């Protein structure tokens, strides 16, 4: 189920400097950046979207709210960059979950987020009967509660009428693309999860069958190679303020888009995304489904290139939580880290705070956080540093389970704003961190991917030159090597408690 790469007709763009709008539709924030031809930022803005929790372990979003955020940020960057005429609109966004739409791209029901945990029972059954492992051996992608396959099966079991009304079970950026252009399609990276066929384009029919979803297979959107691309429709022009016919591209989704925007280009390059998801990725030239059932293999749209991705459920949301508990602001993160020393005065943290548990480097919907080493002399700075160190240990846990980083290790995401936290990551990982050009590596990667798909050379190296490099401190690295061993021991000791919870 594929559609060929047909470059869309667009408006005549007069000679002269061009600009490009990149939009990254995140889980809680939609961001837009207006770039010039050299990748310099002309304007940037963001707008929050809303997550709803209609029931225990349930997380949903309203596609109309998301669409308003997209059109709102586009309007704002166009106003800020008055006098420029964007030659392209490029979309990326959150992956996984399930976004049900009718033939016109309008929601049949609220979208179920990748954060959702209602499919935990289905996943437990699939793990017990071997389905989860069998799917991984076919596709290289591990199932978890918020994965599209798990959510689709939950809907088929509990809300079949919603699936009966739907024409598409797609992804966030795909529905926005359809509303702006009329094109119903997804890109190879989103299609990877979890039904992508590593042997060729499209979906793996056997994986769909294993999940009991054969009769729902027509809901999966066609896969466009290398990316969905279409001209902006009259409706899309009215929504965005861009001229009808403006070229629009969609994809890859945020993890591979960030890898492109950060500058990963050779097998062995690693990417650390410090965002809502703590995503650890390594660019590779093969799919290996023989190892432990963990993580993902994301198609990049380029032949012979995949991203071995382990996106942990821990991330900046854990920092937001601990700041709220401690009554601290984001501007206090750096000073607090520096006020405590490596080792956080004995505070050690398992940072598994997501309601749906963890998905990388292991899958356990019951995983929960744990603090040890607290005492009367423990300070707020110690607790905050302990959480920051715990998240860095989670990143090392993921990278050690993924392919080896033999090239550069690139870092991007909201967490890179804290240099003190970046130093912890460099020390724990024991490698120099090349900090991606700011802001918004995802939006930058979406523009670069869209230009490549259209056969245009934007000068990738110029667009993705690292802003700085943070080297590990040898003494701190040695201390963290020992502490990481304890982290792994604590995780193993906590697993029986998760089973009993």
Protein backbone atom coordinates (compact mmCIF):
# COMPACT_ATOMS: atom_id res chain seq x y z
CA UNK A 1 0.00 0.00 0.00
CA UNK A 2 2.20 2.81 -1.31
CA UNK A 3 1.90 5.90 -3.42
CA UNK A 4 4.71 6.96 -5.75
CA UNK A 5 6.84 10.06 -5.24
CA UNK A 6 5.15 12.58 -7.52
CA UNK A 7 6.50 16.10 -7.02
CA UNK A 8 3.49 18.39 -6.60
CA UNK A 9 2.92 21.43 -8.76
CA UNK A 10 3.39 24.66 -6.87
CA UNK A 11 3.17 28.38 -7.44
CA UNK A 12 5.85 30.13 -9.43
CA UNK A 13 8.42 31.35 -6.92
CA UNK A 14 10.25 34.40 -8.25
CA UNK A 15 14.05 34.47 -8.21
CA UNK A 16 15.68 35.71 -5.05
CA UNK A 17 16.09 34.61 -1.44
CA UNK A 18 13.59 32.03 -0.26
CA UNK A 19 12.30 31.24 3.19
CA UNK A 20 10.78 28.07 4.58
CA UNK A 21 8.32 27.39 7.39
CA UNK A 22 8.90 24.30 9.54
CA UNK A 23 6.23 23.19 11.99
CA UNK A 24 6.76 20.61 14.74
CA UNK A 25 3.49 19.42 16.27
CA UNK A 26 4.62 18.19 19.66
CA UNK A 27 2.66 16.41 22.35
CA UNK A 28 1.96 19.53 24.38
CA UNK A 29 3.49 22.35 22.31
CA UNK A 30 3.34 23.17 18.60
CA UNK A 31 6.35 25.09 17.32
CA UNK A 32 6.96 26.97 14.08
CA UNK A 33 10.20 28.38 12.71
CA UNK A 34 10.75 30.58 9.67
CA UNK A 35 14.16 29.81 8.13
CA UNK A 36 16.09 31.62 5.44
CA UNK A 37 18.00 29.78 2.70
CA UNK A 38 21.02 29.27 4.94
CA UNK A 39 19.05 27.83 7.85
CA UNK A 40 19.19 31.05 9.86
CA UNK A 41 16.11 31.68 11.99
CA UNK A 42 14.03 34.63 10.90
CA UNK A 43 11.22 34.03 13.39
CA UNK A 44 10.10 31.35 15.84
CA UNK A 45 7.09 30.85 18.04
CA UNK A 46 5.15 28.16 19.88
CA UNK A 47 1.68 27.51 21.21
CA UNK A 48 0.52 25.02 23.81
CA UNK A 49 -1.97 22.28 23.03
CA UNK A 50 -4.00 20.31 25.54
CA UNK A 51 -3.93 16.76 26.80
CA UNK A 52 -7.14 15.32 28.22
CA UNK A 53 -7.47 12.43 30.67
CA UNK A 54 -11.02 11.08 30.33
CA UNK A 55 -10.23 8.03 32.46
CA UNK A 56 -7.49 6.30 34.42
CA UNK A 57 -4.37 5.77 32.29
CA UNK A 58 -6.11 7.50 29.35
CA UNK A 59 -4.59 10.44 27.45
CA UNK A 60 -6.34 12.04 24.47
CA UNK A 61 -6.09 15.10 22.22
CA UNK A 62 -8.53 17.13 20.13
CA UNK A 63 -7.43 17.35 16.49
CA UNK A 64 -9.19 20.70 16.07
CA UNK A 65 -7.21 22.11 19.00
CA UNK A 66 -4.02 20.77 17.40
CA UNK A 67 -4.96 22.23 13.99
CA UNK A 68 -5.64 25.63 15.57
CA UNK A 69 -2.21 25.52 17.17
CA UNK A 70 -0.63 24.80 13.77
CA UNK A 71 -2.40 27.60 11.94
CA UNK A 72 -1.79 29.94 14.87
CA UNK A 73 1.98 29.49 14.94
CA UNK A 74 2.20 29.75 11.14
CA UNK A 75 0.31 33.04 11.29
CA UNK A 76 2.65 34.34 13.98
CA UNK A 77 5.91 33.52 12.20
CA UNK A 78 4.59 34.95 8.93
CA UNK A 79 3.71 38.17 10.72
CA UNK A 80 7.13 38.31 12.37
CA UNK A 81 8.88 37.62 9.06
CA UNK A 82 6.93 40.18 7.04
CA UNK A 83 8.42 40.74 3.62
CA UNK A 84 9.49 37.14 3.05
CA UNK A 85 7.59 34.70 0.88
CA UNK A 86 7.86 31.12 2.12
CA UNK A 87 8.66 28.69 -0.66
CA UNK A 88 7.66 25.63 1.38
CA UNK A 89 5.69 24.51 4.44
CA UNK A 90 7.16 21.41 6.11
CA UNK A 91 5.40 19.44 8.85
CA UNK A 92 6.63 17.02 11.48
CA UNK A 93 5.14 15.96 14.78
CA UNK A 94 4.62 13.39 17.49
CA UNK A 95 4.39 9.75 16.50
CA UNK A 96 2.45 6.70 17.70
CA UNK A 97 -1.02 6.78 19.24
CA UNK A 98 -4.06 6.62 16.97
CA UNK A 99 -5.73 9.55 15.20
CA UNK A 100 -9.05 8.43 13.69
CA UNK A 101 -10.47 10.56 10.89
CA UNK A 102 -13.32 10.53 8.39
CA UNK A 103 -12.70 10.82 4.61
CA UNK A 104 -12.21 14.60 4.95
CA UNK A 105 -9.61 14.30 7.69
CA UNK A 106 -11.96 15.32 10.50
CA UNK A 107 -11.88 13.51 13.81
CA UNK A 108 -14.22 10.55 14.39
CA UNK A 109 -13.31 10.59 18.08
CA UNK A 110 -10.59 12.31 20.14
CA UNK A 111 -7.11 11.14 19.23
CA UNK A 112 -5.53 8.60 21.58
CA UNK A 113 -2.04 9.76 22.52
CA UNK A 114 1.16 7.71 22.59
CA UNK A 115 1.12 8.45 26.35
CA UNK A 116 -2.11 6.46 26.74
CA UNK A 117 -2.03 3.32 28.88
CA UNK A 118 -5.43 1.73 28.24
CA UNK A 119 -3.89 -0.97 26.04
CA UNK A 120 -1.73 -2.39 28.85
CA UNK A 121 -3.97 -5.45 29.24
CA UNK A 122 -3.79 -6.24 25.53
CA UNK A 123 -0.02 -5.85 25.59
CA UNK A 124 0.24 -8.19 28.58
CA UNK A 125 -1.75 -10.81 26.68
CA UNK A 126 0.42 -10.39 23.58
CA UNK A 127 3.58 -10.71 25.64
CA UNK A 128 2.27 -13.88 27.28
CA UNK A 129 1.21 -15.59 24.03
CA UNK A 130 4.25 -14.52 21.99
CA UNK A 131 2.50 -12.04 19.71
CA UNK A 132 4.62 -9.07 20.82
CA UNK A 133 7.87 -10.91 20.14
CA UNK A 134 6.62 -12.26 16.81
CA UNK A 135 5.75 -8.75 15.62
CA UNK A 136 9.19 -7.51 16.66
CA UNK A 137 10.91 -10.33 14.78
CA UNK A 138 9.03 -9.28 11.63
CA UNK A 139 9.29 -5.48 11.86
CA UNK A 140 12.00 -4.63 14.38
CA UNK A 141 9.52 -2.58 16.39
CA UNK A 142 8.46 -3.33 19.95
CA UNK A 143 4.85 -2.89 20.98
CA UNK A 144 3.87 -0.80 24.00
CA UNK A 145 0.49 0.45 25.32
CA UNK A 146 0.48 3.64 23.21
CA UNK A 147 1.68 1.98 19.99
CA UNK A 148 -0.78 2.22 17.07
CA UNK A 149 -1.24 -1.55 16.88
CA UNK A 150 -2.11 -1.83 20.57
CA UNK A 151 -4.46 1.15 20.49
CA UNK A 152 -6.16 -0.04 17.30
CA UNK A 153 -6.79 -3.43 18.85
CA UNK A 154 -8.21 -1.78 21.99
CA UNK A 155 -10.55 0.29 19.82
CA UNK A 156 -11.58 -2.79 17.85
CA UNK A 157 -12.41 -4.58 21.09
CA UNK A 158 -14.10 -1.68 22.91
CA UNK A 159 -15.21 0.93 20.33
CA UNK A 160 -15.67 -0.91 17.02
CA UNK A 161 -18.28 1.62 15.91
CA UNK A 162 -15.63 4.36 15.92
CA UNK A 163 -13.46 2.29 13.59
CA UNK A 164 -16.48 1.57 11.40
CA UNK A 165 -17.03 5.33 10.96
CA UNK A 166 -13.37 6.08 10.27
CA UNK A 167 -11.60 6.21 6.91
CA UNK A 168 -8.10 6.60 8.37
CA UNK A 169 -6.25 5.49 11.47
CA UNK A 170 -3.26 7.76 11.02
CA UNK A 171 -0.81 9.94 12.85
CA UNK A 172 -0.90 13.51 14.08
CA UNK A 173 0.96 15.20 11.22
CA UNK A 174 -0.94 13.10 8.65
CA UNK A 175 -4.31 14.50 9.69
CA UNK A 176 -2.95 18.05 9.59
CA UNK A 177 -1.50 17.35 6.12
CA UNK A 178 -4.85 16.05 4.91
CA UNK A 179 -6.68 19.11 6.21
CA UNK A 180 -4.22 21.49 4.52
CA UNK A 181 -3.82 19.69 1.19
CA UNK A 182 -6.45 16.95 0.88
CA UNK A 183 -3.75 14.26 0.62
CA UNK A 184 -4.32 11.08 2.65
CA UNK A 185 -0.89 9.57 3.24
CA UNK A 186 1.85 8.91 5.76
CA UNK A 187 5.63 8.75 5.50
CA UNK A 188 7.91 5.69 5.92
CA UNK A 189 8.98 6.63 9.47
CA UNK A 190 5.47 6.77 10.93
CA UNK A 191 4.46 3.72 8.90
CA UNK A 192 7.28 1.81 10.63
CA UNK A 193 5.33 1.77 13.89
CA UNK A 194 4.58 -1.00 14.39
CA UNK A 195 3.64 -2.56 11.04
CA UNK A 196 6.39 -1.35 8.71
CA UNK A 197 7.99 -3.94 6.46
CA UNK A 198 11.81 -3.65 6.61
CA UNK A 199 12.07 -5.61 3.34
CA UNK A 200 10.24 -3.01 1.30
CA UNK A 201 7.72 -0.17 1.20
CA UNK A 202 4.37 -0.40 2.87
CA UNK A 203 3.09 -2.57 5.70
CA UNK A 204 3.82 -6.11 6.87
CA UNK A 205 0.58 -8.06 6.37
CA UNK A 206 1.70 -10.82 8.74
CA UNK A 207 2.28 -8.36 11.60
CA UNK A 208 -1.19 -6.90 11.06
CA UNK A 209 -2.65 -10.41 11.11
CA UNK A 210 -0.82 -11.32 14.33
CA UNK A 211 -2.50 -8.36 16.04
CA UNK A 212 -5.92 -9.50 14.79
CA UNK A 213 -6.42 -6.38 12.69
CA UNK A 214 -6.73 -7.74 9.13
CA UNK A 215 -10.22 -6.33 8.67
CA UNK A 216 -8.97 -2.90 9.79
CA UNK A 217 -5.92 -2.82 7.50
CA UNK A 218 -7.64 -0.46 5.03
CA UNK A 219 -7.62 2.22 7.73
CA UNK A 220 -3.83 2.46 7.56
CA UNK A 221 -2.90 5.41 5.30
CA UNK A 222 -0.93 4.80 2.09
CA UNK A 223 2.84 5.25 2.46
CA UNK A 224 4.38 7.95 0.27
CA UNK A 225 8.08 7.67 -0.63
CA UNK A 226 10.17 9.48 0.35
CA UNK A 227 7.52 11.79 1.89
CA UNK A 228 3.92 12.88 1.36
CA UNK A 229 3.98 16.09 -0.69
CA UNK A 230 1.14 18.13 -2.17
CA UNK A 231 0.22 21.74 -2.93
CA UNK A 232 -1.64 23.76 -0.33
CA UNK A 233 -5.38 23.65 -1.04
CA UNK A 234 -7.72 26.62 -1.03
CA UNK A 235 -8.97 25.52 2.39
CA UNK A 236 -5.39 25.17 3.61
CA UNK A 237 -4.54 28.62 2.27
CA UNK A 238 -7.47 30.12 4.15
CA UNK A 239 -6.32 28.40 7.35
CA UNK A 240 -2.62 29.28 7.12
CA UNK A 241 -2.43 32.58 5.26
CA UNK A 242 -0.02 31.04 2.73
CA UNK A 243 -0.81 31.18 -1.00
CA UNK A 244 -2.76 28.27 -2.42
CA UNK A 245 -0.38 25.96 -4.26
CA UNK A 246 2.51 26.45 -1.84
CA UNK A 247 4.42 23.14 -1.65
CA UNK A 248 3.71 21.24 1.58
CA UNK A 249 5.60 18.19 2.81
CA UNK A 250 4.82 15.95 5.77
CA UNK A 251 7.43 13.99 7.67
CA UNK A 252 9.39 12.33 8.87
CA UNK A 253 7.88 12.30 12.36
CA UNK A 254 9.65 14.09 15.17
CA UNK A 255 12.32 11.51 16.15
CA UNK A 256 13.88 11.12 12.68
CA UNK A 257 13.20 14.77 11.86
CA UNK A 258 15.31 15.76 14.86
CA UNK A 259 18.05 13.39 13.72
CA UNK A 260 18.13 15.12 10.32
CA UNK A 261 17.96 18.59 11.84
CA UNK A 262 20.74 17.79 14.31
CA UNK A 263 23.05 16.62 11.51
CA UNK A 264 23.06 12.81 11.75
CA UNK A 265 24.15 11.60 8.34
CA UNK A 266 26.45 8.58 8.65
CA UNK A 267 25.84 5.12 10.15
CA UNK A 268 27.09 5.22 13.72
CA UNK A 269 25.98 8.80 14.39
CA UNK A 270 23.94 9.02 17.61
CA UNK A 271 21.18 11.44 18.54
CA UNK A 272 19.98 12.28 22.04
CA UNK A 273 16.66 14.14 22.13
CA UNK A 274 16.04 15.60 25.59
CA UNK A 275 12.34 16.35 25.31
CA UNK A 276 9.03 15.01 26.61
CA UNK A 277 10.40 11.75 25.30
CA UNK A 278 14.03 10.95 26.06
CA UNK A 279 14.84 9.53 22.64
CA UNK A 280 18.14 7.77 22.01
CA UNK A 281 18.82 6.98 18.34
CA UNK A 282 21.66 5.58 16.27
CA UNK A 283 21.74 5.76 12.46
CA UNK A 284 22.32 2.29 11.01
CA UNK A 285 22.45 0.55 7.64
CA UNK A 286 20.52 -2.58 8.63
CA UNK A 287 17.59 -3.85 10.69
CA UNK A 288 18.53 -6.37 13.36
CA UNK A 289 15.54 -8.24 14.78
CA UNK A 290 17.56 -10.99 16.48
CA UNK A 291 18.31 -9.28 19.78
CA UNK A 292 16.14 -8.46 22.80
CA UNK A 293 12.64 -7.17 22.06
CA UNK A 294 13.19 -3.48 22.65
CA UNK A 295 12.93 -0.17 20.84
CA UNK A 296 12.26 0.61 17.21
CA UNK A 297 13.80 0.55 13.75
CA UNK A 298 12.54 3.66 11.95
CA UNK A 299 12.62 3.85 8.17
CA UNK A 300 14.16 7.13 7.03
CA UNK A 301 12.85 7.15 3.48
CA UNK A 302 16.43 6.67 2.24
CA UNK A 303 17.40 3.21 0.95
CA UNK A 304 19.58 1.29 3.40
CA UNK A 305 19.14 3.75 6.27
CA UNK A 306 17.23 3.22 9.50
CA UNK A 307 17.30 4.79 12.92
CA UNK A 308 17.67 2.34 15.80
CA UNK A 309 15.56 4.25 18.28
CA UNK A 310 14.92 3.69 21.97
CA UNK A 311 12.52 6.44 23.05
CA UNK A 312 12.12 6.25 26.82
CA UNK A 313 9.00 7.58 28.50
CA UNK A 314 11.15 9.64 30.89
CA UNK A 315 12.20 13.15 29.89
CA UNK A 316 11.54 16.80 30.57
CA UNK A 317 8.08 15.96 31.94
CA UNK A 318 9.88 14.39 34.90
CA UNK A 319 11.73 17.65 35.48
CA UNK A 320 8.45 19.59 35.29
CA UNK A 321 6.97 17.23 37.88
CA UNK A 322 9.82 17.52 40.38
CA UNK A 323 9.97 21.32 39.97
CA UNK A 324 6.26 21.47 40.79
CA UNK A 325 6.68 19.23 43.83
CA UNK A 326 9.62 21.32 45.07
CA UNK A 327 8.04 24.68 44.26
CA UNK A 328 10.87 25.67 41.92
CA UNK A 329 10.99 27.30 38.49
CA UNK A 330 12.79 26.27 35.32
CA UNK A 331 15.29 29.09 35.81
CA UNK A 332 16.45 27.33 38.99
CA UNK A 333 17.48 24.06 37.30
CA UNK A 334 21.02 25.10 36.40
CA UNK A 335 21.86 26.75 39.75
CA UNK A 336 20.38 23.78 41.65
CA UNK A 337 22.44 21.24 39.68
CA UNK A 338 25.58 23.27 40.39
CA UNK A 339 24.68 23.63 44.09
CA UNK A 340 24.75 19.84 44.46
CA UNK A 341 27.70 17.70 43.45
CA UNK A 342 27.93 14.59 41.23
CA UNK A 343 26.15 11.81 43.09
CA UNK A 344 23.51 14.23 44.44
CA UNK A 345 24.58 13.63 48.06
CA UNK A 346 23.49 10.00 47.80
CA UNK A 347 20.07 10.61 46.19
CA UNK A 348 19.48 8.00 43.48
CA UNK A 349 16.40 7.98 41.28
CA UNK A 350 14.58 5.59 38.97
CA UNK A 351 12.76 8.22 36.87
CA UNK A 352 9.88 6.06 35.55
CA UNK A 353 7.09 8.55 36.23
CA UNK A 354 4.89 8.12 33.12
CA UNK A 355 1.40 6.73 33.90
CA UNK A 356 1.87 4.13 31.15
CA UNK A 357 5.19 2.89 32.55
CA UNK A 358 8.24 2.45 30.34
CA UNK A 359 8.90 1.34 26.76
CA UNK A 360 12.69 1.60 26.37
CA UNK A 361 15.08 -0.08 26.89
CA UNK A 362 12.45 -2.42 28.35
CA UNK A 363 8.65 -2.52 28.07
CA UNK A 364 6.75 -2.55 31.36
CA UNK A 365 3.46 -0.64 31.75
CA UNK A 366 3.73 -1.09 35.53
CA UNK A 367 7.17 0.57 35.87
CA UNK A 368 7.15 3.31 38.48
CA UNK A 369 9.64 5.80 39.89
CA UNK A 370 11.75 5.30 42.98
CA UNK A 371 13.88 7.58 45.17
CA UNK A 372 16.56 6.18 47.48
CA UNK A 373 19.24 7.75 49.65
CA UNK A 374 17.04 10.49 51.13
CA UNK A 375 17.96 11.83 54.55
CA UNK A 376 17.22 14.85 56.74
CA UNK A 377 20.15 16.71 55.23
CA UNK A 378 18.93 16.16 51.65
CA UNK A 379 18.28 19.49 49.91
CA UNK A 380 15.96 20.45 47.09
CA UNK A 381 19.06 20.81 44.90
CA UNK A 382 20.07 17.22 45.71
CA UNK A 383 16.62 15.91 44.77
CA UNK A 384 16.56 17.85 41.50
CA UNK A 385 20.10 16.79 40.61
CA UNK A 386 19.21 13.18 41.48
CA UNK A 387 16.32 13.27 38.98
CA UNK A 388 18.58 14.82 36.32
CA UNK A 389 21.18 12.11 36.91
CA UNK A 390 18.52 9.39 36.85
CA UNK A 391 17.30 10.57 33.44
CA UNK A 392 20.89 10.60 32.16
CA UNK A 393 21.32 7.01 33.41
CA UNK A 394 18.13 6.10 31.53
CA UNK A 395 19.73 7.52 28.38
CA UNK A 396 22.85 5.42 28.92
CA UNK A 397 20.65 2.38 29.52
CA UNK A 398 19.00 3.00 26.15
CA UNK A 399 22.20 3.64 24.20
CA UNK A 400 23.79 0.48 25.58
CA UNK A 401 20.78 -1.49 24.29
CA UNK A 402 20.90 0.19 20.86
CA UNK A 403 23.55 0.05 18.18
CA UNK A 404 26.96 1.39 19.17
CA UNK A 405 27.60 5.12 18.65
CA UNK A 406 30.77 5.16 16.55
CA UNK A 407 30.32 8.65 15.10
CA UNK A 408 29.28 11.92 16.65
CA UNK A 409 26.74 12.06 19.48
CA UNK A 410 24.35 14.92 18.77
CA UNK A 411 21.99 16.46 21.31
CA UNK A 412 18.82 18.49 20.81
CA UNK A 413 15.45 19.14 22.46
CA UNK A 414 14.21 21.47 25.16
CA UNK A 415 16.60 20.03 27.74
CA UNK A 416 19.66 21.39 25.93
CA UNK A 417 18.84 24.83 27.34
CA UNK A 418 20.46 23.74 30.61
CA UNK A 419 24.22 23.52 30.15
CA UNK A 420 24.58 22.07 33.65
CA UNK A 421 22.27 19.19 32.75
CA UNK A 422 24.09 18.68 29.45
CA UNK A 423 27.33 18.29 31.41
CA UNK A 424 25.67 15.49 33.42
CA UNK A 425 24.67 13.74 30.18
CA UNK A 426 28.20 14.08 28.76
CA UNK A 427 29.72 12.71 31.99
CA UNK A 428 27.26 9.80 32.28
CA UNK A 429 27.50 8.85 28.59
CA UNK A 430 31.26 9.38 28.54
CA UNK A 431 31.20 11.05 25.12
CA UNK A 432 31.39 14.60 23.78
CA UNK A 433 27.95 16.05 23.12
CA UNK A 434 27.61 18.04 19.90
CA UNK A 435 24.78 20.49 20.60
CA UNK A 436 22.49 20.90 17.58
CA UNK A 437 21.86 24.25 16.01
CA UNK A 438 18.95 25.94 17.76
CA UNK A 439 16.10 26.30 17.80
CA UNK A 440 13.88 23.35 16.99
CA UNK A 441 15.87 20.60 15.34
CA UNK A 442 12.61 18.87 14.42
CA UNK A 443 11.28 21.80 12.35
CA UNK A 444 14.73 22.21 10.78
CA UNK A 445 14.81 18.51 9.88
CA UNK A 446 11.32 18.65 8.39
CA UNK A 447 12.36 21.47 6.05
CA UNK A 448 15.55 19.68 5.01
CA UNK A 449 13.63 16.44 4.40
CA UNK A 450 11.02 18.27 2.33
CA UNK A 451 13.68 19.96 0.21
CA UNK A 452 15.51 16.66 -0.35
CA UNK A 453 12.28 14.97 -1.40
CA UNK A 454 11.74 17.74 -3.95
CA UNK A 455 15.25 17.23 -5.32
CA UNK A 456 16.62 20.48 -3.87
CA UNK A 457 19.95 20.82 -2.07
CA UNK A 458 19.68 23.22 0.84
CA UNK A 459 23.25 22.70 2.01
CA UNK A 460 22.65 20.29 4.87
CA UNK A 461 26.04 20.82 6.48
CA UNK A 462 25.48 24.56 6.58
CA UNK A 463 22.04 24.08 8.13
CA UNK A 464 23.19 21.62 10.79
CA UNK A 465 26.56 22.90 12.06
CA UNK A 466 26.75 22.17 15.81
CA UNK A 467 26.55 25.21 18.08
CA UNK A 468 28.98 23.86 20.68
CA UNK A 469 30.59 20.72 22.05
CA UNK A 470 30.51 19.63 25.71
CA UNK A 471 33.28 17.23 26.71
CA UNK A 472 32.91 14.79 29.62
CA UNK A 473 34.81 15.44 32.83
CA UNK A 474 37.05 12.37 33.46
CA UNK A 475 36.60 12.40 37.24
CA UNK A 476 32.82 12.70 37.04
CA UNK A 477 32.71 10.03 34.33
CA UNK A 478 34.51 7.55 36.59
CA UNK A 479 32.09 8.29 39.44
CA UNK A 480 29.08 7.89 37.17
CA UNK A 481 30.38 4.60 35.75
CA UNK A 482 30.08 3.16 39.24
CA UNK A 483 26.74 4.85 39.90
CA UNK A 484 25.29 3.46 36.66
CA UNK A 485 25.92 -0.06 37.94
CA UNK A 486 23.87 0.76 41.04
CA UNK A 487 21.14 2.24 38.83
CA UNK A 488 20.84 -1.06 36.98
CA UNK A 489 20.79 -2.99 40.27
CA UNK A 490 18.01 -0.74 41.61
CA UNK A 491 15.96 -1.29 38.47
CA UNK A 492 16.29 -5.06 38.79
CA UNK A 493 15.32 -4.91 42.47
CA UNK A 494 12.26 -2.74 41.73
CA UNK A 495 10.73 -5.05 39.11
CA UNK A 496 9.10 -7.44 41.66
CA UNK A 497 7.44 -4.45 43.32
CA UNK A 498 6.05 -3.32 39.97
CA UNK A 499 4.57 -6.76 39.41
CA UNK A 500 2.88 -6.63 42.81
CA UNK A 501 1.56 -3.08 42.46
